[in-house]
Amino acid sequence: MSTLQERIDQTIANVADFPKPGIQYKDITPLFLDAKLSNEIVDAFAGISKGKVDAVCGIESRGFLYGIQIAQKLGVPFILVRKAGKLPPPTVSESYDLEYGQATIEVNETYIKEGMRILVHDDVLATGGTAEACAKLIEKCGGKVTQFSFIVNLEFLNGAEKLSRFTTDIVSLTAY
């Protein structure tokens, strides 16, 4: 029997030269075609996070897909972190740099309570910019990031270094 990591690696599609030449894109969407594997992924994340978090923040949009299931499995709230302008007020925002420009994400500031322990979940850890911006949002609202989780960590981009100032509990189910 193969390990969870091996099954994830076998299922993720590698797409050459997407979204631009020279990039080897890791497409996680085939994971959703396998209900058993998806349930095992949720169970693995929930097992790692049990007792460590009071809520899960999922980053738009792929962080929503497993993030809400992880929160439900843990019996904790799920908090959406969305692109600017997508949530009704009151929101707090954080801007961050992208490869070619800047982006802004927001959260409803009333959903994160003072001292709340938060798991930040997204699909892929690349440079860490989006997850770092999410962690800053959480801190602005009085919460504390106690864990990050990702399906994939693109280790060569060193994103975990950017996140380690918030917590060293940075989990991924596979890495490249």
C-alpha atoms as a PDB file:
ATOM      1  CA  MET A   1       0.000   0.000   0.000  1.00  0.00           C
ATOM      2  CA  SER A   2       1.375   3.391  -0.916  1.00  0.00           C
ATOM      3  CA  THR A   3       1.548   6.296   1.526  1.00  0.00           C
ATOM      4  CA  LEU A   4      -0.748   9.308   1.449  1.00  0.00           C
ATOM      5  CA  GLN A   5       2.109  11.409   0.111  1.00  0.00           C
ATOM      6  CA  GLU A   6       2.790   8.927  -2.687  1.00  0.00           C
ATOM      7  CA  ARG A   7      -0.887   8.869  -3.685  1.00  0.00           C
ATOM      8  CA  ILE A   8      -1.017  12.683  -3.683  1.00  0.00           C
ATOM      9  CA  ASP A   9       2.155  12.834  -5.797  1.00  0.00           C
ATOM     10  CA  GLN A  10       0.719  10.301  -8.258  1.00  0.00           C
ATOM     11  CA  THR A  11      -2.534  12.274  -8.558  1.00  0.00           C
ATOM     12  CA  ILE A  12      -1.259  15.845  -8.875  1.00  0.00           C
ATOM     13  CA  ALA A  13      -0.840  16.758 -12.542  1.00  0.00           C
ATOM     14  CA  ASN A  14       2.332  18.421 -13.788  1.00  0.00           C
ATOM     15  CA  VAL A  15       1.581  21.016 -16.446  1.00  0.00           C
ATOM     16  CA  ALA A  16       4.614  22.236 -18.369  1.00  0.00           C
ATOM     17  CA  ASP A  17       4.958  25.905 -19.335  1.00  0.00           C
ATOM     18  CA  PHE A  18       1.886  27.070 -17.420  1.00  0.00           C
ATOM     19  CA  PRO A  19       1.014  29.833 -16.690  1.00  0.00           C
ATOM     20  CA  LYS A  20       4.125  30.911 -18.600  1.00  0.00           C
ATOM     21  CA  PRO A  21       7.108  29.249 -20.282  1.00  0.00           C
ATOM     22  CA  GLY A  22       9.562  27.616 -17.904  1.00  0.00           C
ATOM     23  CA  ILE A  23       7.029  27.035 -15.105  1.00  0.00           C
ATOM     24  CA  GLN A  24       6.164  23.463 -14.074  1.00  0.00           C
ATOM     25  CA  TYR A  25       2.666  23.965 -12.645  1.00  0.00           C
ATOM     26  CA  LYS A  26       1.429  21.564  -9.943  1.00  0.00           C
ATOM     27  CA  ASP A  27      -2.293  21.116 -10.607  1.00  0.00           C
ATOM     28  CA  ILE A  28      -4.076  19.860  -7.477  1.00  0.00           C
ATOM     29  CA  THR A  29      -7.534  19.714  -9.073  1.00  0.00           C
ATOM     30  CA  PRO A  30      -7.287  15.977  -9.930  1.00  0.00           C
ATOM     31  CA  LEU A  31      -7.266  15.314  -6.158  1.00  0.00           C
ATOM     32  CA  PHE A  32     -10.942  16.301  -6.073  1.00  0.00           C
ATOM     33  CA  LEU A  33     -11.830  13.528  -8.511  1.00  0.00           C
ATOM     34  CA  ASP A  34     -10.932  10.928  -5.879  1.00  0.00           C
ATOM     35  CA  ALA A  35     -13.354  11.166  -2.949  1.00  0.00           C
ATOM     36  CA  LYS A  36     -11.482   8.577  -0.860  1.00  0.00           C
ATOM     37  CA  LEU A  37      -8.157  10.379  -1.290  1.00  0.00           C
ATOM     38  CA  SER A  38      -9.777  13.746  -0.522  1.00  0.00           C
ATOM     39  CA  ASN A  39     -11.248  12.338   2.690  1.00  0.00           C
ATOM     40  CA  GLU A  40      -7.821  10.999   3.673  1.00  0.00           C
ATOM     41  CA  ILE A  41      -6.301  14.437   3.039  1.00  0.00           C
ATOM     42  CA  VAL A  42      -8.896  16.098   5.286  1.00  0.00           C
ATOM     43  CA  ASP A  43      -8.393  13.429   7.971  1.00  0.00           C
ATOM     44  CA  ALA A  44      -4.610  13.919   7.828  1.00  0.00           C
ATOM     45  CA  PHE A  45      -4.854  17.687   8.243  1.00  0.00           C
ATOM     46  CA  ALA A  46      -7.452  17.371  11.010  1.00  0.00           C
ATOM     47  CA  GLY A  47      -5.271  14.867  12.836  1.00  0.00           C
ATOM     48  CA  ILE A  48      -2.296  17.217  12.690  1.00  0.00           C
ATOM     49  CA  SER A  49      -4.353  20.211  13.879  1.00  0.00           C
ATOM     50  CA  LYS A  50      -6.589  18.621  16.515  1.00  0.00           C
ATOM     51  CA  GLY A  51      -6.426  20.565  19.776  1.00  0.00           C
ATOM     52  CA  LYS A  52      -4.115  23.216  18.315  1.00  0.00           C
ATOM     53  CA  VAL A  53      -6.604  25.636  16.736  1.00  0.00           C
ATOM     54  CA  ASP A  54      -9.820  27.493  17.508  1.00  0.00           C
ATOM     55  CA  ALA A  55     -10.640  28.289  13.863  1.00  0.00           C
ATOM     56  CA  VAL A  56      -9.467  27.687  10.289  1.00  0.00           C
ATOM     57  CA  CYS A  57      -8.852  30.554   7.843  1.00  0.00           C
ATOM     58  CA  GLY A  58      -9.015  29.442   4.225  1.00  0.00           C
ATOM     59  CA  ILE A  59      -7.430  31.625   1.561  1.00  0.00           C
ATOM     60  CA  GLU A  60      -9.426  32.299  -1.620  1.00  0.00           C
ATOM     61  CA  SER A  61     -10.135  30.245  -3.493  1.00  0.00           C
ATOM     62  CA  ARG A  62      -8.434  26.882  -3.347  1.00  0.00           C
ATOM     63  CA  GLY A  63      -7.848  27.225   0.396  1.00  0.00           C
ATOM     64  CA  PHE A  64     -11.630  27.024   0.758  1.00  0.00           C
ATOM     65  CA  LEU A  65     -11.876  23.561  -0.788  1.00  0.00           C
ATOM     66  CA  TYR A  66     -10.220  21.545   1.971  1.00  0.00           C
ATOM     67  CA  GLY A  67     -10.174  24.329   4.571  1.00  0.00           C
ATOM     68  CA  ILE A  68     -13.896  24.190   5.289  1.00  0.00           C
ATOM     69  CA  GLN A  69     -13.783  20.397   5.511  1.00  0.00           C
ATOM     70  CA  ILE A  70     -10.859  20.557   7.956  1.00  0.00           C
ATOM     71  CA  ALA A  71     -12.775  23.053  10.109  1.00  0.00           C
ATOM     72  CA  GLN A  72     -15.880  20.852  10.087  1.00  0.00           C
ATOM     73  CA  LYS A  73     -13.832  17.781  11.014  1.00  0.00           C
ATOM     74  CA  LEU A  74     -12.256  19.727  13.901  1.00  0.00           C
ATOM     75  CA  GLY A  75     -15.605  21.221  14.973  1.00  0.00           C
ATOM     76  CA  VAL A  76     -14.290  24.791  14.723  1.00  0.00           C
ATOM     77  CA  PRO A  77     -15.370  27.866  12.714  1.00  0.00           C
ATOM     78  CA  PHE A  78     -14.232  28.374   9.125  1.00  0.00           C
ATOM     79  CA  ILE A  79     -13.262  31.949   8.241  1.00  0.00           C
ATOM     80  CA  LEU A  80     -13.006  33.069   4.618  1.00  0.00           C
ATOM     81  CA  VAL A  81     -10.076  35.234   3.559  1.00  0.00           C
ATOM     82  CA  ARG A  82     -11.006  36.782   0.225  1.00  0.00           C
ATOM     83  CA  LYS A  83      -9.723  39.119  -2.438  1.00  0.00           C
ATOM     84  CA  ALA A  84     -10.482  42.785  -1.755  1.00  0.00           C
ATOM     85  CA  GLY A  85     -14.052  43.864  -2.373  1.00  0.00           C
ATOM     86  CA  LYS A  86     -15.614  40.392  -2.104  1.00  0.00           C
ATOM     87  CA  LEU A  87     -16.726  40.513   1.558  1.00  0.00           C
ATOM     88  CA  PRO A  88     -19.291  42.868   3.093  1.00  0.00           C
ATOM     89  CA  PRO A  89     -18.069  45.220   5.843  1.00  0.00           C
ATOM     90  CA  PRO A  90     -16.653  45.391   8.381  1.00  0.00           C
ATOM     91  CA  THR A  91     -13.409  44.119   6.895  1.00  0.00           C
ATOM     92  CA  VAL A  92      -9.724  44.592   7.482  1.00  0.00           C
ATOM     93  CA  SER A  93      -7.302  44.297   4.568  1.00  0.00           C
ATOM     94  CA  GLU A  94      -3.665  43.521   3.880  1.00  0.00           C
ATOM     95  CA  SER A  95      -1.789  44.192   0.654  1.00  0.00           C
ATOM     96  CA  TYR A  96       1.196  42.178  -0.525  1.00  0.00           C
ATOM     97  CA  ASP A  97       3.512  41.942  -3.497  1.00  0.00           C
ATOM     98  CA  LEU A  98       3.066  39.526  -6.354  1.00  0.00           C
ATOM     99  CA  GLU A  99       5.575  38.678  -9.053  1.00  0.00           C
ATOM    100  CA  TYR A 100       4.034  41.350 -11.310  1.00  0.00           C
ATOM    101  CA  GLY A 101       2.172  43.779  -9.096  1.00  0.00           C
ATOM    102  CA  GLN A 102       0.271  43.794  -5.854  1.00  0.00           C
ATOM    103  CA  ALA A 103      -2.817  42.111  -4.392  1.00  0.00           C
ATOM    104  CA  THR A 104      -5.027  42.739  -1.376  1.00  0.00           C
ATOM    105  CA  ILE A 105      -6.924  40.250   0.758  1.00  0.00           C
ATOM    106  CA  GLU A 106      -9.589  40.877   3.391  1.00  0.00           C
ATOM    107  CA  VAL A 107     -11.327  39.202   6.296  1.00  0.00           C
ATOM    108  CA  ASN A 108     -14.417  40.158   8.289  1.00  0.00           C
ATOM    109  CA  GLU A 109     -12.778  41.596  11.393  1.00  0.00           C
ATOM    110  CA  THR A 110     -15.594  40.480  13.704  1.00  0.00           C
ATOM    111  CA  TYR A 111     -14.968  36.780  13.022  1.00  0.00           C
ATOM    112  CA  ILE A 112     -11.521  36.633  14.640  1.00  0.00           C
ATOM    113  CA  LYS A 113     -11.605  37.057  18.405  1.00  0.00           C
ATOM    114  CA  GLU A 114      -8.755  38.258  20.637  1.00  0.00           C
ATOM    115  CA  GLY A 115      -6.328  35.409  21.315  1.00  0.00           C
ATOM    116  CA  MET A 116      -8.028  33.004  18.910  1.00  0.00           C
ATOM    117  CA  ARG A 117      -5.626  30.285  17.692  1.00  0.00           C
ATOM    118  CA  ILE A 118      -5.856  30.105  13.905  1.00  0.00           C
ATOM    119  CA  LEU A 119      -4.855  27.546  11.283  1.00  0.00           C
ATOM    120  CA  VAL A 120      -4.170  29.204   7.922  1.00  0.00           C
ATOM    121  CA  HIS A 121      -4.890  26.770   5.088  1.00  0.00           C
ATOM    122  CA  ASP A 122      -4.142  27.063   1.375  1.00  0.00           C
ATOM    123  CA  ASP A 123      -3.415  24.652  -1.445  1.00  0.00           C
ATOM    124  CA  VAL A 124       0.208  25.481  -2.275  1.00  0.00           C
ATOM    125  CA  LEU A 125       3.022  27.198  -0.391  1.00  0.00           C
ATOM    126  CA  ALA A 126       5.156  28.972  -2.976  1.00  0.00           C
ATOM    127  CA  THR A 127       6.858  32.242  -1.995  1.00  0.00           C
ATOM    128  CA  GLY A 128       4.648  32.589   1.096  1.00  0.00           C
ATOM    129  CA  GLY A 129       3.377  36.082   0.278  1.00  0.00           C
ATOM    130  CA  THR A 130      -0.334  35.318   0.408  1.00  0.00           C
ATOM    131  CA  ALA A 131      -0.106  33.219   3.585  1.00  0.00           C
ATOM    132  CA  GLU A 132       2.054  35.917   5.205  1.00  0.00           C
ATOM    133  CA  ALA A 133      -0.542  38.580   4.336  1.00  0.00           C
ATOM    134  CA  CYS A 134      -3.249  36.349   5.824  1.00  0.00           C
ATOM    135  CA  ALA A 135      -1.231  35.953   9.035  1.00  0.00           C
ATOM    136  CA  LYS A 136      -0.836  39.730   9.268  1.00  0.00           C
ATOM    137  CA  LEU A 137      -4.625  40.111   8.860  1.00  0.00           C
ATOM    138  CA  ILE A 138      -5.185  37.658  11.696  1.00  0.00           C
ATOM    139  CA  GLU A 139      -2.795  39.567  13.944  1.00  0.00           C
ATOM    140  CA  LYS A 140      -4.529  42.875  13.103  1.00  0.00           C
ATOM    141  CA  CYS A 141      -7.747  41.305  14.398  1.00  0.00           C
ATOM    142  CA  GLY A 142      -6.128  40.055  17.609  1.00  0.00           C
ATOM    143  CA  GLY A 143      -5.762  36.411  16.606  1.00  0.00           C
ATOM    144  CA  LYS A 144      -2.644  34.242  16.676  1.00  0.00           C
ATOM    145  CA  VAL A 145      -1.522  31.989  13.823  1.00  0.00           C
ATOM    146  CA  THR A 146      -0.577  28.713  15.462  1.00  0.00           C
ATOM    147  CA  GLN A 147      -0.331  26.622  12.301  1.00  0.00           C
ATOM    148  CA  PHE A 148      -0.137  26.784   8.511  1.00  0.00           C
ATOM    149  CA  SER A 149      -1.188  23.866   6.307  1.00  0.00           C
ATOM    150  CA  PHE A 150      -0.726  23.263   2.596  1.00  0.00           C
ATOM    151  CA  ILE A 151      -1.200  20.302   0.305  1.00  0.00           C
ATOM    152  CA  VAL A 152       2.032  21.163  -1.534  1.00  0.00           C
ATOM    153  CA  ASN A 153       5.170  23.027  -0.480  1.00  0.00           C
ATOM    154  CA  LEU A 154       7.362  24.234  -3.341  1.00  0.00           C
ATOM    155  CA  GLU A 155      10.443  24.156  -1.109  1.00  0.00           C
ATOM    156  CA  PHE A 156      12.805  25.728  -3.644  1.00  0.00           C
ATOM    157  CA  LEU A 157      10.860  29.013  -3.320  1.00  0.00           C
ATOM    158  CA  ASN A 158      11.563  29.185   0.453  1.00  0.00           C
ATOM    159  CA  GLY A 159       8.050  30.303   1.441  1.00  0.00           C
ATOM    160  CA  ALA A 160       8.300  28.687   4.872  1.00  0.00           C
ATOM    161  CA  GLU A 161      11.053  31.149   5.808  1.00  0.00           C
ATOM    162  CA  LYS A 162       8.592  34.025   5.403  1.00  0.00           C
ATOM    163  CA  LEU A 163       6.035  32.282   7.604  1.00  0.00           C
ATOM    164  CA  SER A 164       8.330  31.131  10.393  1.00  0.00           C
ATOM    165  CA  ARG A 165       8.053  34.448  12.230  1.00  0.00           C
ATOM    166  CA  PHE A 166       4.406  33.579  12.947  1.00  0.00           C
ATOM    167  CA  THR A 167       4.876  29.879  13.829  1.00  0.00           C
ATOM    168  CA  THR A 168       7.211  27.033  12.984  1.00  0.00           C
ATOM    169  CA  ASP A 169       4.239  24.641  12.772  1.00  0.00           C
ATOM    170  CA  ILE A 170       4.084  24.660   8.963  1.00  0.00           C
ATOM    171  CA  VAL A 171       2.613  21.456   7.546  1.00  0.00           C
ATOM    172  CA  SER A 172       2.477  20.166   3.986  1.00  0.00           C
ATOM    173  CA  LEU A 173       1.447  16.732   2.791  1.00  0.00           C
ATOM    174  CA  THR A 174       3.977  16.727  -0.048  1.00  0.00           C
ATOM    175  CA  ALA A 175       6.864  18.867  -1.249  1.00  0.00           C
ATOM    176  CA  TYR A 176       8.765  19.523  -4.461  1.00  0.00           C
END
